[in-house]
Amino acid sequence: MSDNTRPESGMRREIEQKWGKFSAREIAALKDNEDLVMQVQTKYQLDKVQAQHDVDAFAQGRQI
């Protein structure tokens, strides 16, 4: 949306549902899947391998 406070539809909305620790602004600011991996790693205190696995399983080949 134009005010950049709500996630867009599609994958960003799914991110909001799966990872509830993200604010709408953080989701809107995500650049790519690698950025999502880094954010998941930080927010959920996971190692990079686990965060990458979680994002890959979630994204199923899709890109933000």
PDB file of N, CA and C in Angstrom:
ATOM      1  N   MET A   1       0.830  -1.180   0.000  1.00  0.00           N
ATOM      2  CA  MET A   1       0.000   0.000   0.000  1.00  0.00           C
ATOM      3  C   MET A   1       0.875   1.245   0.000  1.00  0.00           C
ATOM      4  N   SER A   2       0.316   2.327  -0.282  1.00  0.00           N
ATOM      5  CA  SER A   2       1.111   3.533  -0.468  1.00  0.00           C
ATOM      6  C   SER A   2       1.740   4.065   0.810  1.00  0.00           C
ATOM      7  N   ASP A   3       1.147   3.806   1.973  1.00  0.00           N
ATOM      8  CA  ASP A   3       1.747   4.328   3.204  1.00  0.00           C
ATOM      9  C   ASP A   3       2.869   3.440   3.728  1.00  0.00           C
ATOM     10  N   ASN A   4       3.093   2.299   3.081  1.00  0.00           N
ATOM     11  CA  ASN A   4       4.208   1.404   3.394  1.00  0.00           C
ATOM     12  C   ASN A   4       4.154   0.871   4.829  1.00  0.00           C
ATOM     13  N   THR A   5       2.972   0.800   5.422  1.00  0.00           N
ATOM     14  CA  THR A   5       2.846   0.267   6.777  1.00  0.00           C
ATOM     15  C   THR A   5       2.167  -1.100   6.789  1.00  0.00           C
ATOM     16  N   ARG A   6       1.552  -1.493   5.699  1.00  0.00           N
ATOM     17  CA  ARG A   6       0.927  -2.810   5.601  1.00  0.00           C
ATOM     18  C   ARG A   6       1.644  -3.614   4.535  1.00  0.00           C
ATOM     19  N   PRO A   7       1.869  -4.892   4.797  1.00  0.00           N
ATOM     20  CA  PRO A   7       2.525  -5.702   3.776  1.00  0.00           C
ATOM     21  C   PRO A   7       1.659  -5.815   2.528  1.00  0.00           C
ATOM     22  N   GLU A   8       2.309  -6.009   1.414  1.00  0.00           N
ATOM     23  CA  GLU A   8       1.595  -6.234   0.166  1.00  0.00           C
ATOM     24  C   GLU A   8       0.933  -7.601   0.216  1.00  0.00           C
ATOM     25  N   SER A   9       0.108  -7.856  -0.751  1.00  0.00           N
ATOM     26  CA  SER A   9      -0.539  -9.166  -0.806  1.00  0.00           C
ATOM     27  C   SER A   9       0.474 -10.235  -1.204  1.00  0.00           C
ATOM     28  N   GLY A  10       0.037 -11.456  -1.231  1.00  0.00           N
ATOM     29  CA  GLY A  10       0.892 -12.551  -1.660  1.00  0.00           C
ATOM     30  C   GLY A  10       1.897 -12.980  -0.607  1.00  0.00           C
ATOM     31  N   MET A  11       3.125 -13.132  -1.040  1.00  0.00           N
ATOM     32  CA  MET A  11       4.157 -13.696  -0.176  1.00  0.00           C
ATOM     33  C   MET A  11       4.394 -12.844   1.062  1.00  0.00           C
ATOM     34  N   ARG A  12       4.352 -11.543   0.935  1.00  0.00           N
ATOM     35  CA  ARG A  12       4.572 -10.682   2.107  1.00  0.00           C
ATOM     36  C   ARG A  12       3.475 -10.882   3.156  1.00  0.00           C
ATOM     37  N   ARG A  13       2.260 -11.079   2.724  1.00  0.00           N
ATOM     38  CA  ARG A  13       1.173 -11.349   3.667  1.00  0.00           C
ATOM     39  C   ARG A  13       1.403 -12.694   4.361  1.00  0.00           C
ATOM     40  N   GLU A  14       1.897 -13.668   3.599  1.00  0.00           N
ATOM     41  CA  GLU A  14       2.193 -14.975   4.175  1.00  0.00           C
ATOM     42  C   GLU A  14       3.330 -14.882   5.201  1.00  0.00           C
ATOM     43  N   ILE A  15       4.313 -14.023   4.928  1.00  0.00           N
ATOM     44  CA  ILE A  15       5.410 -13.804   5.880  1.00  0.00           C
ATOM     45  C   ILE A  15       4.842 -13.276   7.189  1.00  0.00           C
ATOM     46  N   GLU A  16       3.930 -12.331   7.096  1.00  0.00           N
ATOM     47  CA  GLU A  16       3.300 -11.751   8.289  1.00  0.00           C
ATOM     48  C   GLU A  16       2.585 -12.836   9.103  1.00  0.00           C
ATOM     49  N   GLN A  17       1.934 -13.766   8.424  1.00  0.00           N
ATOM     50  CA  GLN A  17       1.215 -14.835   9.112  1.00  0.00           C
ATOM     51  C   GLN A  17       2.164 -15.864   9.716  1.00  0.00           C
ATOM     52  N   LYS A  18       3.232 -16.200   9.005  1.00  0.00           N
ATOM     53  CA  LYS A  18       4.157 -17.239   9.481  1.00  0.00           C
ATOM     54  C   LYS A  18       5.072 -16.738  10.586  1.00  0.00           C
ATOM     55  N   TRP A  19       5.634 -15.558  10.408  1.00  0.00           N
ATOM     56  CA  TRP A  19       6.598 -15.024  11.363  1.00  0.00           C
ATOM     57  C   TRP A  19       6.012 -13.779  12.012  1.00  0.00           C
ATOM     58  N   GLY A  20       5.282 -13.961  13.089  1.00  0.00           N
ATOM     59  CA  GLY A  20       4.543 -12.879  13.740  1.00  0.00           C
ATOM     60  C   GLY A  20       5.390 -11.824  14.422  1.00  0.00           C
ATOM     61  N   LYS A  21       6.683 -12.057  14.544  1.00  0.00           N
ATOM     62  CA  LYS A  21       7.535 -11.065  15.205  1.00  0.00           C
ATOM     63  C   LYS A  21       7.886  -9.891  14.293  1.00  0.00           C
ATOM     64  N   PHE A  22       7.571  -9.985  13.005  1.00  0.00           N
ATOM     65  CA  PHE A  22       7.879  -8.909  12.065  1.00  0.00           C
ATOM     66  C   PHE A  22       6.788  -7.848  12.087  1.00  0.00           C
ATOM     67  N   SER A  23       7.197  -6.598  12.077  1.00  0.00           N
ATOM     68  CA  SER A  23       6.225  -5.514  11.922  1.00  0.00           C
ATOM     69  C   SER A  23       5.892  -5.388  10.434  1.00  0.00           C
ATOM     70  N   ALA A  24       4.797  -4.733  10.146  1.00  0.00           N
ATOM     71  CA  ALA A  24       4.411  -4.510   8.754  1.00  0.00           C
ATOM     72  C   ALA A  24       5.487  -3.714   8.019  1.00  0.00           C
ATOM     73  N   ARG A  25       6.097  -2.763   8.695  1.00  0.00           N
ATOM     74  CA  ARG A  25       7.164  -1.956   8.068  1.00  0.00           C
ATOM     75  C   ARG A  25       8.374  -2.828   7.729  1.00  0.00           C
ATOM     76  N   GLU A  26       8.739  -3.735   8.630  1.00  0.00           N
ATOM     77  CA  GLU A  26       9.877  -4.621   8.366  1.00  0.00           C
ATOM     78  C   GLU A  26       9.600  -5.518   7.165  1.00  0.00           C
ATOM     79  N   ILE A  27       8.393  -6.025   7.079  1.00  0.00           N
ATOM     80  CA  ILE A  27       8.031  -6.881   5.948  1.00  0.00           C
ATOM     81  C   ILE A  27       8.067  -6.078   4.649  1.00  0.00           C
ATOM     82  N   ALA A  28       7.526  -4.888   4.674  1.00  0.00           N
ATOM     83  CA  ALA A  28       7.520  -4.046   3.475  1.00  0.00           C
ATOM     84  C   ALA A  28       8.934  -3.681   3.033  1.00  0.00           C
ATOM     85  N   ALA A  29       9.860  -3.615   3.981  1.00  0.00           N
ATOM     86  CA  ALA A  29      11.239  -3.215   3.665  1.00  0.00           C
ATOM     87  C   ALA A  29      12.113  -4.370   3.180  1.00  0.00           C
ATOM     88  N   LEU A  30      11.622  -5.607   3.252  1.00  0.00           N
ATOM     89  CA  LEU A  30      12.421  -6.746   2.804  1.00  0.00           C
ATOM     90  C   LEU A  30      12.768  -6.602   1.330  1.00  0.00           C
ATOM     91  N   LYS A  31      14.044  -6.836   1.010  1.00  0.00           N
ATOM     92  CA  LYS A  31      14.528  -6.660  -0.362  1.00  0.00           C
ATOM     93  C   LYS A  31      14.448  -7.952  -1.173  1.00  0.00           C
ATOM     94  N   ASP A  32      14.788  -9.056  -0.538  1.00  0.00           N
ATOM     95  CA  ASP A  32      14.829 -10.331  -1.250  1.00  0.00           C
ATOM     96  C   ASP A  32      14.815 -11.455  -0.229  1.00  0.00           C
ATOM     97  N   ASN A  33      14.881 -12.693  -0.716  1.00  0.00           N
ATOM     98  CA  ASN A  33      14.820 -13.836   0.195  1.00  0.00           C
ATOM     99  C   ASN A  33      16.013 -13.884   1.141  1.00  0.00           C
ATOM    100  N   GLU A  34      17.181 -13.462   0.672  1.00  0.00           N
ATOM    101  CA  GLU A  34      18.364 -13.450   1.534  1.00  0.00           C
ATOM    102  C   GLU A  34      18.164 -12.471   2.698  1.00  0.00           C
ATOM    103  N   ASP A  35      17.539 -11.359   2.410  1.00  0.00           N
ATOM    104  CA  ASP A  35      17.221 -10.390   3.457  1.00  0.00           C
ATOM    105  C   ASP A  35      16.253 -11.020   4.468  1.00  0.00           C
ATOM    106  N   LEU A  36      15.276 -11.772   3.981  1.00  0.00           N
ATOM    107  CA  LEU A  36      14.349 -12.473   4.865  1.00  0.00           C
ATOM    108  C   LEU A  36      15.092 -13.477   5.735  1.00  0.00           C
ATOM    109  N   VAL A  37      16.039 -14.199   5.166  1.00  0.00           N
ATOM    110  CA  VAL A  37      16.844 -15.159   5.946  1.00  0.00           C
ATOM    111  C   VAL A  37      17.545 -14.437   7.088  1.00  0.00           C
ATOM    112  N   MET A  38      18.191 -13.316   6.780  1.00  0.00           N
ATOM    113  CA  MET A  38      18.914 -12.568   7.816  1.00  0.00           C
ATOM    114  C   MET A  38      17.966 -12.062   8.909  1.00  0.00           C
ATOM    115  N   GLN A  39      16.783 -11.615   8.505  1.00  0.00           N
ATOM    116  CA  GLN A  39      15.824 -11.102   9.480  1.00  0.00           C
ATOM    117  C   GLN A  39      15.255 -12.225  10.359  1.00  0.00           C
ATOM    118  N   VAL A  40      14.952 -13.363   9.739  1.00  0.00           N
ATOM    119  CA  VAL A  40      14.459 -14.519  10.506  1.00  0.00           C
ATOM    120  C   VAL A  40      15.538 -14.976  11.481  1.00  0.00           C
ATOM    121  N   GLN A  41      16.762 -15.026  11.013  1.00  0.00           N
ATOM    122  CA  GLN A  41      17.886 -15.431  11.862  1.00  0.00           C
ATOM    123  C   GLN A  41      17.985 -14.520  13.084  1.00  0.00           C
ATOM    124  N   THR A  42      17.871 -13.239  12.879  1.00  0.00           N
ATOM    125  CA  THR A  42      17.986 -12.264  13.970  1.00  0.00           C
ATOM    126  C   THR A  42      16.779 -12.307  14.903  1.00  0.00           C
ATOM    127  N   LYS A  43      15.587 -12.237  14.337  1.00  0.00           N
ATOM    128  CA  LYS A  43      14.361 -12.158  15.149  1.00  0.00           C
ATOM    129  C   LYS A  43      14.133 -13.415  15.989  1.00  0.00           C
ATOM    130  N   TYR A  44      14.477 -14.566  15.419  1.00  0.00           N
ATOM    131  CA  TYR A  44      14.189 -15.830  16.088  1.00  0.00           C
ATOM    132  C   TYR A  44      15.428 -16.497  16.657  1.00  0.00           C
ATOM    133  N   GLN A  45      16.558 -15.805  16.610  1.00  0.00           N
ATOM    134  CA  GLN A  45      17.820 -16.287  17.173  1.00  0.00           C
ATOM    135  C   GLN A  45      18.162 -17.693  16.682  1.00  0.00           C
ATOM    136  N   LEU A  46      18.098 -17.853  15.359  1.00  0.00           N
ATOM    137  CA  LEU A  46      18.435 -19.124  14.722  1.00  0.00           C
ATOM    138  C   LEU A  46      19.807 -19.016  14.088  1.00  0.00           C
ATOM    139  N   ASP A  47      20.450 -20.154  13.871  1.00  0.00           N
ATOM    140  CA  ASP A  47      21.678 -20.095  13.096  1.00  0.00           C
ATOM    141  C   ASP A  47      21.285 -19.933  11.625  1.00  0.00           C
ATOM    142  N   LYS A  48      22.242 -19.523  10.822  1.00  0.00           N
ATOM    143  CA  LYS A  48      21.952 -19.202   9.418  1.00  0.00           C
ATOM    144  C   LYS A  48      21.415 -20.409   8.655  1.00  0.00           C
ATOM    145  N   VAL A  49      21.947 -21.583   8.923  1.00  0.00           N
ATOM    146  CA  VAL A  49      21.507 -22.792   8.219  1.00  0.00           C
ATOM    147  C   VAL A  49      20.028 -23.057   8.497  1.00  0.00           C
ATOM    148  N   GLN A  50      19.626 -22.947   9.747  1.00  0.00           N
ATOM    149  CA  GLN A  50      18.226 -23.190  10.096  1.00  0.00           C
ATOM    150  C   GLN A  50      17.315 -22.120   9.501  1.00  0.00           C
ATOM    151  N   ALA A  51      17.723 -20.860   9.588  1.00  0.00           N
ATOM    152  CA  ALA A  51      16.928 -19.769   9.012  1.00  0.00           C
ATOM    153  C   ALA A  51      16.780 -19.955   7.506  1.00  0.00           C
ATOM    154  N   GLN A  52      17.874 -20.341   6.831  1.00  0.00           N
ATOM    155  CA  GLN A  52      17.826 -20.573   5.386  1.00  0.00           C
ATOM    156  C   GLN A  52      16.874 -21.712   5.058  1.00  0.00           C
ATOM    157  N   HIS A  53      16.946 -22.784   5.828  1.00  0.00           N
ATOM    158  CA  HIS A  53      16.060 -23.930   5.624  1.00  0.00           C
ATOM    159  C   HIS A  53      14.599 -23.514   5.785  1.00  0.00           C
ATOM    160  N   ASP A  54      14.309 -22.758   6.842  1.00  0.00           N
ATOM    161  CA  ASP A  54      12.928 -22.318   7.104  1.00  0.00           C
ATOM    162  C   ASP A  54      12.401 -21.439   5.970  1.00  0.00           C
ATOM    163  N   VAL A  55      13.225 -20.497   5.521  1.00  0.00           N
ATOM    164  CA  VAL A  55      12.803 -19.604   4.436  1.00  0.00           C
ATOM    165  C   VAL A  55      12.639 -20.378   3.135  1.00  0.00           C
ATOM    166  N   ASP A  56      13.580 -21.285   2.839  1.00  0.00           N
ATOM    167  CA  ASP A  56      13.472 -22.080   1.606  1.00  0.00           C
ATOM    168  C   ASP A  56      12.194 -22.927   1.608  1.00  0.00           C
ATOM    169  N   ALA A  57      11.895 -23.551   2.740  1.00  0.00           N
ATOM    170  CA  ALA A  57      10.691 -24.383   2.845  1.00  0.00           C
ATOM    171  C   ALA A  57       9.442 -23.524   2.685  1.00  0.00           C
ATOM    172  N   PHE A  58       9.471 -22.337   3.239  1.00  0.00           N
ATOM    173  CA  PHE A  58       8.341 -21.419   3.141  1.00  0.00           C
ATOM    174  C   PHE A  58       8.174 -20.894   1.721  1.00  0.00           C
ATOM    175  N   ALA A  59       9.260 -20.445   1.118  1.00  0.00           N
ATOM    176  CA  ALA A  59       9.199 -19.759  -0.181  1.00  0.00           C
ATOM    177  C   ALA A  59       8.913 -20.709  -1.331  1.00  0.00           C
ATOM    178  N   GLN A  60       9.375 -21.943  -1.238  1.00  0.00           N
ATOM    179  CA  GLN A  60       9.164 -22.947  -2.288  1.00  0.00           C
ATOM    180  C   GLN A  60       9.506 -22.393  -3.675  1.00  0.00           C
ATOM    181  N   GLY A  61      10.678 -21.752  -3.767  1.00  0.00           N
ATOM    182  CA  GLY A  61      11.138 -21.257  -5.055  1.00  0.00           C
ATOM    183  C   GLY A  61      10.663 -19.856  -5.413  1.00  0.00           C
ATOM    184  N   ARG A  62       9.740 -19.311  -4.630  1.00  0.00           N
ATOM    185  CA  ARG A  62       9.249 -17.954  -4.916  1.00  0.00           C
ATOM    186  C   ARG A  62      10.245 -16.922  -4.405  1.00  0.00           C
ATOM    187  N   GLN A  63      10.215 -15.759  -4.975  1.00  0.00           N
ATOM    188  CA  GLN A  63      11.039 -14.641  -4.536  1.00  0.00           C
ATOM    189  C   GLN A  63      10.144 -13.518  -4.036  1.00  0.00           C
ATOM    190  N   ILE A  64      10.663 -12.786  -3.066  1.00  0.00           N
ATOM    191  CA  ILE A  64       9.915 -11.637  -2.537  1.00  0.00           C
ATOM    192  C   ILE A  64       9.826 -10.594  -3.622  1.00  0.00           C
TER     193      ILE A  64
END
